[in-house]
Amino acid sequence: MELVYAWMEKFRNYKEVNLNFSDRFIIDYDNSNKTIKITPNAAYISIYPEYITNINAVVGRNGVGKTNLLDAIGLRTNDRKKITLNLK
């Protein structure tokens, strides 16, 4: 399973934000009708081996909402700390 899109109406410092996590699809969300249109991106070219579906990075200055984004998509603080400790 792959997370390709998220809509956040309101979560901490996010308000009415479209988050597209995949270049494979063009996603249009109509907030007034609460409808979503997903179409394959004809211009998409995969540069990864078949066993890697997608790579994303969350970057930005302090205080812009990186941690809030991770919390919103479901990665709890304790889980992130465990991952970080296991990498050291």
PDB file of N, CA and C in Angstrom:
ATOM      1  N   MET A   1       0.853  -1.167   0.000  1.00  0.00           N
ATOM      2  CA  MET A   1       0.000   0.000   0.000  1.00  0.00           C
ATOM      3  C   MET A   1       0.899   1.230   0.000  1.00  0.00           C
ATOM      4  N   GLU A   2       0.468   2.239  -0.714  1.00  0.00           N
ATOM      5  CA  GLU A   2       1.247   3.473  -0.840  1.00  0.00           C
ATOM      6  C   GLU A   2       0.333   4.672  -0.596  1.00  0.00           C
ATOM      7  N   LEU A   3       0.784   5.573   0.236  1.00  0.00           N
ATOM      8  CA  LEU A   3       0.057   6.823   0.447  1.00  0.00           C
ATOM      9  C   LEU A   3       0.398   7.751  -0.707  1.00  0.00           C
ATOM     10  N   VAL A   4      -0.593   8.093  -1.519  1.00  0.00           N
ATOM     11  CA  VAL A   4      -0.334   8.941  -2.678  1.00  0.00           C
ATOM     12  C   VAL A   4      -0.872  10.363  -2.500  1.00  0.00           C
ATOM     13  N   TYR A   5      -1.833  10.551  -1.581  1.00  0.00           N
ATOM     14  CA  TYR A   5      -2.439  11.869  -1.439  1.00  0.00           C
ATOM     15  C   TYR A   5      -3.051  12.025  -0.051  1.00  0.00           C
ATOM     16  N   ALA A   6      -3.010  13.219   0.466  1.00  0.00           N
ATOM     17  CA  ALA A   6      -3.691  13.526   1.727  1.00  0.00           C
ATOM     18  C   ALA A   6      -4.259  14.947   1.645  1.00  0.00           C
ATOM     19  N   TRP A   7      -5.437  15.106   2.184  1.00  0.00           N
ATOM     20  CA  TRP A   7      -6.077  16.419   2.305  1.00  0.00           C
ATOM     21  C   TRP A   7      -6.242  16.694   3.789  1.00  0.00           C
ATOM     22  N   MET A   8      -5.721  17.827   4.242  1.00  0.00           N
ATOM     23  CA  MET A   8      -5.877  18.209   5.648  1.00  0.00           C
ATOM     24  C   MET A   8      -6.702  19.477   5.704  1.00  0.00           C
ATOM     25  N   GLU A   9      -7.931  19.309   6.211  1.00  0.00           N
ATOM     26  CA  GLU A   9      -8.784  20.492   6.340  1.00  0.00           C
ATOM     27  C   GLU A   9      -8.259  21.395   7.445  1.00  0.00           C
ATOM     28  N   LYS A  10      -7.971  20.792   8.604  1.00  0.00           N
ATOM     29  CA  LYS A  10      -7.380  21.567   9.689  1.00  0.00           C
ATOM     30  C   LYS A  10      -6.690  20.604  10.644  1.00  0.00           C
ATOM     31  N   PHE A  11      -5.396  20.802  10.823  1.00  0.00           N
ATOM     32  CA  PHE A  11      -4.616  20.022  11.769  1.00  0.00           C
ATOM     33  C   PHE A  11      -3.445  20.876  12.211  1.00  0.00           C
ATOM     34  N   ARG A  12      -3.450  21.273  13.461  1.00  0.00           N
ATOM     35  CA  ARG A  12      -2.406  22.130  14.037  1.00  0.00           C
ATOM     36  C   ARG A  12      -2.139  23.332  13.136  1.00  0.00           C
ATOM     37  N   ASN A  13      -0.954  23.435  12.530  1.00  0.00           N
ATOM     38  CA  ASN A  13      -0.664  24.622  11.717  1.00  0.00           C
ATOM     39  C   ASN A  13      -1.052  24.447  10.248  1.00  0.00           C
ATOM     40  N   TYR A  14      -1.663  23.330   9.885  1.00  0.00           N
ATOM     41  CA  TYR A  14      -2.116  23.095   8.513  1.00  0.00           C
ATOM     42  C   TYR A  14      -3.591  23.464   8.393  1.00  0.00           C
ATOM     43  N   LYS A  15      -3.938  24.145   7.309  1.00  0.00           N
ATOM     44  CA  LYS A  15      -5.332  24.481   7.048  1.00  0.00           C
ATOM     45  C   LYS A  15      -5.576  24.403   5.547  1.00  0.00           C
ATOM     46  N   GLU A  16      -6.491  23.509   5.154  1.00  0.00           N
ATOM     47  CA  GLU A  16      -6.859  23.304   3.756  1.00  0.00           C
ATOM     48  C   GLU A  16      -5.620  23.092   2.878  1.00  0.00           C
ATOM     49  N   VAL A  17      -4.916  21.985   3.148  1.00  0.00           N
ATOM     50  CA  VAL A  17      -3.664  21.682   2.462  1.00  0.00           C
ATOM     51  C   VAL A  17      -3.805  20.407   1.643  1.00  0.00           C
ATOM     52  N   ASN A  18      -3.387  20.466   0.378  1.00  0.00           N
ATOM     53  CA  ASN A  18      -3.290  19.299  -0.495  1.00  0.00           C
ATOM     54  C   ASN A  18      -1.870  18.775  -0.417  1.00  0.00           C
ATOM     55  N   LEU A  19      -1.712  17.486  -0.161  1.00  0.00           N
ATOM     56  CA  LEU A  19      -0.388  16.875  -0.118  1.00  0.00           C
ATOM     57  C   LEU A  19      -0.362  15.708  -1.096  1.00  0.00           C
ATOM     58  N   ASN A  20       0.383  15.863  -2.169  1.00  0.00           N
ATOM     59  CA  ASN A  20       0.523  14.811  -3.152  1.00  0.00           C
ATOM     60  C   ASN A  20       1.875  14.142  -2.932  1.00  0.00           C
ATOM     61  N   PHE A  21       1.864  12.857  -2.592  1.00  0.00           N
ATOM     62  CA  PHE A  21       3.085  12.128  -2.279  1.00  0.00           C
ATOM     63  C   PHE A  21       3.581  11.277  -3.443  1.00  0.00           C
ATOM     64  N   SER A  22       2.966  11.370  -4.595  1.00  0.00           N
ATOM     65  CA  SER A  22       3.344  10.524  -5.716  1.00  0.00           C
ATOM     66  C   SER A  22       3.331  11.319  -7.014  1.00  0.00           C
ATOM     67  N   ASP A  23       4.379  11.114  -7.821  1.00  0.00           N
ATOM     68  CA  ASP A  23       4.412  11.725  -9.146  1.00  0.00           C
ATOM     69  C   ASP A  23       3.689  10.865 -10.181  1.00  0.00           C
ATOM     70  N   ARG A  24       3.295   9.663  -9.791  1.00  0.00           N
ATOM     71  CA  ARG A  24       2.623   8.754 -10.729  1.00  0.00           C
ATOM     72  C   ARG A  24       1.199   9.190 -11.053  1.00  0.00           C
ATOM     73  N   PHE A  25       0.599  10.017 -10.193  1.00  0.00           N
ATOM     74  CA  PHE A  25      -0.803  10.403 -10.377  1.00  0.00           C
ATOM     75  C   PHE A  25      -0.970  11.917 -10.322  1.00  0.00           C
ATOM     76  N   ILE A  26      -1.950  12.395 -11.082  1.00  0.00           N
ATOM     77  CA  ILE A  26      -2.379  13.788 -10.984  1.00  0.00           C
ATOM     78  C   ILE A  26      -3.687  13.756 -10.198  1.00  0.00           C
ATOM     79  N   ILE A  27      -3.709  14.465  -9.080  1.00  0.00           N
ATOM     80  CA  ILE A  27      -4.843  14.380  -8.169  1.00  0.00           C
ATOM     81  C   ILE A  27      -5.472  15.759  -8.019  1.00  0.00           C
ATOM     82  N   ASP A  28      -6.765  15.824  -8.283  1.00  0.00           N
ATOM     83  CA  ASP A  28      -7.529  17.060  -8.129  1.00  0.00           C
ATOM     84  C   ASP A  28      -8.625  16.829  -7.100  1.00  0.00           C
ATOM     85  N   TYR A  29      -8.600  17.621  -6.029  1.00  0.00           N
ATOM     86  CA  TYR A  29      -9.619  17.520  -4.983  1.00  0.00           C
ATOM     87  C   TYR A  29     -10.471  18.777  -5.017  1.00  0.00           C
ATOM     88  N   ASP A  30     -11.775  18.586  -5.088  1.00  0.00           N
ATOM     89  CA  ASP A  30     -12.722  19.698  -5.067  1.00  0.00           C
ATOM     90  C   ASP A  30     -13.349  19.742  -3.680  1.00  0.00           C
ATOM     91  N   ASN A  31     -12.913  20.684  -2.871  1.00  0.00           N
ATOM     92  CA  ASN A  31     -13.373  20.774  -1.488  1.00  0.00           C
ATOM     93  C   ASN A  31     -14.855  21.125  -1.395  1.00  0.00           C
ATOM     94  N   SER A  32     -15.360  21.913  -2.323  1.00  0.00           N
ATOM     95  CA  SER A  32     -16.769  22.310  -2.246  1.00  0.00           C
ATOM     96  C   SER A  32     -17.699  21.121  -2.494  1.00  0.00           C
ATOM     97  N   ASN A  33     -17.333  20.220  -3.411  1.00  0.00           N
ATOM     98  CA  ASN A  33     -18.157  19.040  -3.700  1.00  0.00           C
ATOM     99  C   ASN A  33     -17.690  17.794  -2.955  1.00  0.00           C
ATOM    100  N   LYS A  34     -16.538  17.895  -2.301  1.00  0.00           N
ATOM    101  CA  LYS A  34     -15.933  16.748  -1.595  1.00  0.00           C
ATOM    102  C   LYS A  34     -15.702  15.579  -2.551  1.00  0.00           C
ATOM    103  N   THR A  35     -15.158  15.892  -3.727  1.00  0.00           N
ATOM    104  CA  THR A  35     -14.852  14.859  -4.709  1.00  0.00           C
ATOM    105  C   THR A  35     -13.367  14.879  -5.028  1.00  0.00           C
ATOM    106  N   ILE A  36     -12.869  13.715  -5.431  1.00  0.00           N
ATOM    107  CA  ILE A  36     -11.464  13.595  -5.780  1.00  0.00           C
ATOM    108  C   ILE A  36     -11.356  12.922  -7.147  1.00  0.00           C
ATOM    109  N   LYS A  37     -10.476  13.443  -7.972  1.00  0.00           N
ATOM    110  CA  LYS A  37     -10.244  12.870  -9.295  1.00  0.00           C
ATOM    111  C   LYS A  37      -8.776  12.466  -9.379  1.00  0.00           C
ATOM    112  N   ILE A  38      -8.539  11.183  -9.630  1.00  0.00           N
ATOM    113  CA  ILE A  38      -7.178  10.659  -9.717  1.00  0.00           C
ATOM    114  C   ILE A  38      -6.960  10.130 -11.121  1.00  0.00           C
ATOM    115  N   THR A  39      -5.960  10.684 -11.809  1.00  0.00           N
ATOM    116  CA  THR A  39      -5.625  10.226 -13.152  1.00  0.00           C
ATOM    117  C   THR A  39      -4.140   9.888 -13.203  1.00  0.00           C
ATOM    118  N   PRO A  40      -3.789   8.840 -13.922  1.00  0.00           N
ATOM    119  CA  PRO A  40      -2.368   8.513 -14.067  1.00  0.00           C
ATOM    120  C   PRO A  40      -1.628   9.641 -14.791  1.00  0.00           C
ATOM    121  N   ASN A  41      -0.424   9.909 -14.367  1.00  0.00           N
ATOM    122  CA  ASN A  41       0.405  10.935 -14.974  1.00  0.00           C
ATOM    123  C   ASN A  41       1.135  10.312 -16.166  1.00  0.00           C
ATOM    124  N   ALA A  42       0.754  10.701 -17.368  1.00  0.00           N
ATOM    125  CA  ALA A  42       1.343  10.127 -18.584  1.00  0.00           C
ATOM    126  C   ALA A  42       2.825  10.479 -18.716  1.00  0.00           C
ATOM    127  N   ALA A  43       3.251  11.561 -18.090  1.00  0.00           N
ATOM    128  CA  ALA A  43       4.647  11.987 -18.200  1.00  0.00           C
ATOM    129  C   ALA A  43       5.549  11.337 -17.149  1.00  0.00           C
ATOM    130  N   TYR A  44       4.983  10.504 -16.281  1.00  0.00           N
ATOM    131  CA  TYR A  44       5.774   9.889 -15.198  1.00  0.00           C
ATOM    132  C   TYR A  44       6.764   8.868 -15.752  1.00  0.00           C
ATOM    133  N   ILE A  45       7.997   8.963 -15.302  1.00  0.00           N
ATOM    134  CA  ILE A  45       9.041   8.002 -15.640  1.00  0.00           C
ATOM    135  C   ILE A  45       9.668   7.533 -14.337  1.00  0.00           C
ATOM    136  N   SER A  46       9.673   6.237 -14.101  1.00  0.00           N
ATOM    137  CA  SER A  46      10.254   5.687 -12.885  1.00  0.00           C
ATOM    138  C   SER A  46      11.766   5.573 -13.029  1.00  0.00           C
ATOM    139  N   ILE A  47      12.485   6.072 -12.041  1.00  0.00           N
ATOM    140  CA  ILE A  47      13.943   5.956 -12.042  1.00  0.00           C
ATOM    141  C   ILE A  47      14.423   4.927 -11.027  1.00  0.00           C
ATOM    142  N   TYR A  48      13.482   4.288 -10.333  1.00  0.00           N
ATOM    143  CA  TYR A  48      13.820   3.332  -9.281  1.00  0.00           C
ATOM    144  C   TYR A  48      13.677   1.902  -9.777  1.00  0.00           C
ATOM    145  N   PRO A  49      14.360   0.968  -9.118  1.00  0.00           N
ATOM    146  CA  PRO A  49      14.122  -0.447  -9.432  1.00  0.00           C
ATOM    147  C   PRO A  49      12.669  -0.817  -9.118  1.00  0.00           C
ATOM    148  N   GLU A  50      12.212  -1.930  -9.642  1.00  0.00           N
ATOM    149  CA  GLU A  50      10.813  -2.336  -9.509  1.00  0.00           C
ATOM    150  C   GLU A  50      10.367  -2.486  -8.052  1.00  0.00           C
ATOM    151  N   TYR A  51      11.271  -2.885  -7.156  1.00  0.00           N
ATOM    152  CA  TYR A  51      10.906  -3.120  -5.765  1.00  0.00           C
ATOM    153  C   TYR A  51      10.822  -1.833  -4.938  1.00  0.00           C
ATOM    154  N   ILE A  52      11.187  -0.694  -5.494  1.00  0.00           N
ATOM    155  CA  ILE A  52      11.027   0.600  -4.825  1.00  0.00           C
ATOM    156  C   ILE A  52       9.928   1.352  -5.551  1.00  0.00           C
ATOM    157  N   THR A  53       8.845   1.655  -4.838  1.00  0.00           N
ATOM    158  CA  THR A  53       7.715   2.323  -5.485  1.00  0.00           C
ATOM    159  C   THR A  53       7.823   3.833  -5.458  1.00  0.00           C
ATOM    160  N   ASN A  54       8.417   4.389  -4.388  1.00  0.00           N
ATOM    161  CA  ASN A  54       8.460   5.835  -4.263  1.00  0.00           C
ATOM    162  C   ASN A  54       9.381   6.219  -3.121  1.00  0.00           C
ATOM    163  N   ILE A  55      10.003   7.372  -3.233  1.00  0.00           N
ATOM    164  CA  ILE A  55      10.822   7.930  -2.157  1.00  0.00           C
ATOM    165  C   ILE A  55      10.403   9.386  -1.977  1.00  0.00           C
ATOM    166  N   ASN A  56      10.157   9.776  -0.733  1.00  0.00           N
ATOM    167  CA  ASN A  56       9.807  11.158  -0.413  1.00  0.00           C
ATOM    168  C   ASN A  56      10.701  11.650   0.712  1.00  0.00           C
ATOM    169  N   ALA A  57      10.929  12.955   0.745  1.00  0.00           N
ATOM    170  CA  ALA A  57      11.693  13.576   1.820  1.00  0.00           C
ATOM    171  C   ALA A  57      10.872  14.732   2.384  1.00  0.00           C
ATOM    172  N   VAL A  58      10.953  14.905   3.681  1.00  0.00           N
ATOM    173  CA  VAL A  58      10.289  16.031   4.338  1.00  0.00           C
ATOM    174  C   VAL A  58      11.395  16.956   4.821  1.00  0.00           C
ATOM    175  N   VAL A  59      11.505  18.117   4.208  1.00  0.00           N
ATOM    176  CA  VAL A  59      12.561  19.062   4.538  1.00  0.00           C
ATOM    177  C   VAL A  59      11.962  20.435   4.785  1.00  0.00           C
ATOM    178  N   GLY A  60      12.668  21.244   5.547  1.00  0.00           N
ATOM    179  CA  GLY A  60      12.225  22.608   5.809  1.00  0.00           C
ATOM    180  C   GLY A  60      12.875  23.162   7.057  1.00  0.00           C
ATOM    181  N   ARG A  61      12.717  24.430   7.249  1.00  0.00           N
ATOM    182  CA  ARG A  61      13.279  25.090   8.427  1.00  0.00           C
ATOM    183  C   ARG A  61      12.532  24.676   9.680  1.00  0.00           C
ATOM    184  N   ASN A  62      13.148  24.963  10.810  1.00  0.00           N
ATOM    185  CA  ASN A  62      12.505  24.673  12.097  1.00  0.00           C
ATOM    186  C   ASN A  62      11.190  25.442  12.213  1.00  0.00           C
ATOM    187  N   GLY A  63      10.175  24.738  12.687  1.00  0.00           N
ATOM    188  CA  GLY A  63       8.898  25.382  12.963  1.00  0.00           C
ATOM    189  C   GLY A  63       7.936  25.462  11.791  1.00  0.00           C
ATOM    190  N   VAL A  64       8.254  24.835  10.650  1.00  0.00           N
ATOM    191  CA  VAL A  64       7.354  24.940   9.499  1.00  0.00           C
ATOM    192  C   VAL A  64       6.304  23.837   9.460  1.00  0.00           C
ATOM    193  N   GLY A  65       6.452  22.785  10.296  1.00  0.00           N
ATOM    194  CA  GLY A  65       5.409  21.771  10.389  1.00  0.00           C
ATOM    195  C   GLY A  65       5.802  20.370   9.962  1.00  0.00           C
ATOM    196  N   LYS A  66       7.088  20.067   9.926  1.00  0.00           N
ATOM    197  CA  LYS A  66       7.522  18.723   9.536  1.00  0.00           C
ATOM    198  C   LYS A  66       7.004  17.675  10.518  1.00  0.00           C
ATOM    199  N   THR A  67       7.146  17.931  11.794  1.00  0.00           N
ATOM    200  CA  THR A  67       6.674  16.994  12.817  1.00  0.00           C
ATOM    201  C   THR A  67       5.160  16.877  12.781  1.00  0.00           C
ATOM    202  N   ASN A  68       4.468  17.978  12.577  1.00  0.00           N
ATOM    203  CA  ASN A  68       3.005  17.934  12.473  1.00  0.00           C
ATOM    204  C   ASN A  68       2.564  17.088  11.290  1.00  0.00           C
ATOM    205  N   LEU A  69       3.288  17.149  10.186  1.00  0.00           N
ATOM    206  CA  LEU A  69       2.965  16.324   9.030  1.00  0.00           C
ATOM    207  C   LEU A  69       3.118  14.846   9.372  1.00  0.00           C
ATOM    208  N   LEU A  70       4.213  14.472  10.013  1.00  0.00           N
ATOM    209  CA  LEU A  70       4.420  13.076  10.397  1.00  0.00           C
ATOM    210  C   LEU A  70       3.351  12.609  11.376  1.00  0.00           C
ATOM    211  N   ASP A  71       2.977  13.453  12.320  1.00  0.00           N
ATOM    212  CA  ASP A  71       1.896  13.107  13.252  1.00  0.00           C
ATOM    213  C   ASP A  71       0.574  12.931  12.511  1.00  0.00           C
ATOM    214  N   ALA A  72       0.315  13.786  11.532  1.00  0.00           N
ATOM    215  CA  ALA A  72      -0.951  13.728  10.806  1.00  0.00           C
ATOM    216  C   ALA A  72      -1.081  12.454   9.977  1.00  0.00           C
ATOM    217  N   ILE A  73       0.006  11.990   9.393  1.00  0.00           N
ATOM    218  CA  ILE A  73      -0.095  10.782   8.573  1.00  0.00           C
ATOM    219  C   ILE A  73       0.054   9.514   9.403  1.00  0.00           C
ATOM    220  N   GLY A  74       0.251   9.677  10.712  1.00  0.00           N
ATOM    221  CA  GLY A  74       0.145   8.522  11.592  1.00  0.00           C
ATOM    222  C   GLY A  74       1.408   7.998  12.208  1.00  0.00           C
ATOM    223  N   LEU A  75       2.540   8.629  11.987  1.00  0.00           N
ATOM    224  CA  LEU A  75       3.770   8.157  12.605  1.00  0.00           C
ATOM    225  C   LEU A  75       3.927   8.849  13.953  1.00  0.00           C
ATOM    226  N   ARG A  76       3.675   8.092  15.004  1.00  0.00           N
ATOM    227  CA  ARG A  76       3.700   8.657  16.346  1.00  0.00           C
ATOM    228  C   ARG A  76       5.118   9.011  16.787  1.00  0.00           C
ATOM    229  N   THR A  77       5.224   9.964  17.716  1.00  0.00           N
ATOM    230  CA  THR A  77       6.513  10.446  18.198  1.00  0.00           C
ATOM    231  C   THR A  77       7.368   9.311  18.731  1.00  0.00           C
ATOM    232  N   ASN A  78       6.802   8.418  19.528  1.00  0.00           N
ATOM    233  CA  ASN A  78       7.580   7.310  20.090  1.00  0.00           C
ATOM    234  C   ASN A  78       8.126   6.399  19.000  1.00  0.00           C
ATOM    235  N   ASP A  79       7.343   6.170  17.960  1.00  0.00           N
ATOM    236  CA  ASP A  79       7.800   5.333  16.852  1.00  0.00           C
ATOM    237  C   ASP A  79       8.953   5.998  16.107  1.00  0.00           C
ATOM    238  N   ARG A  80       8.884   7.322  15.905  1.00  0.00           N
ATOM    239  CA  ARG A  80       9.975   8.035  15.236  1.00  0.00           C
ATOM    240  C   ARG A  80      11.244   7.960  16.061  1.00  0.00           C
ATOM    241  N   LYS A  81      11.128   8.059  17.382  1.00  0.00           N
ATOM    242  CA  LYS A  81      12.314   7.972  18.249  1.00  0.00           C
ATOM    243  C   LYS A  81      12.938   6.590  18.176  1.00  0.00           C
ATOM    244  N   LYS A  82      12.113   5.538  18.129  1.00  0.00           N
ATOM    245  CA  LYS A  82      12.637   4.172  18.019  1.00  0.00           C
ATOM    246  C   LYS A  82      13.392   3.989  16.711  1.00  0.00           C
ATOM    247  N   ILE A  83      12.862   4.526  15.621  1.00  0.00           N
ATOM    248  CA  ILE A  83      13.528   4.419  14.322  1.00  0.00           C
ATOM    249  C   ILE A  83      14.867   5.123  14.382  1.00  0.00           C
ATOM    250  N   THR A  84      14.893   6.319  14.955  1.00  0.00           N
ATOM    251  CA  THR A  84      16.130   7.089  15.041  1.00  0.00           C
ATOM    252  C   THR A  84      17.161   6.358  15.880  1.00  0.00           C
ATOM    253  N   LEU A  85      16.764   5.773  17.004  1.00  0.00           N
ATOM    254  CA  LEU A  85      17.700   5.037  17.863  1.00  0.00           C
ATOM    255  C   LEU A  85      18.245   3.810  17.162  1.00  0.00           C
ATOM    256  N   ASN A  86      17.419   3.130  16.384  1.00  0.00           N
ATOM    257  CA  ASN A  86      17.870   1.927  15.680  1.00  0.00           C
ATOM    258  C   ASN A  86      18.851   2.243  14.556  1.00  0.00           C
ATOM    259  N   LEU A  87      18.809   3.464  14.027  1.00  0.00           N
ATOM    260  CA  LEU A  87      19.712   3.844  12.944  1.00  0.00           C
ATOM    261  C   LEU A  87      21.108   4.193  13.449  1.00  0.00           C
ATOM    262  N   LYS A  88      21.231   4.506  14.723  1.00  0.00           N
ATOM    263  CA  LYS A  88      22.551   4.908  15.266  1.00  0.00           C
ATOM    264  C   LYS A  88      23.415   3.719  15.558  1.00  0.00           C
TER     265      LYS A  88
END
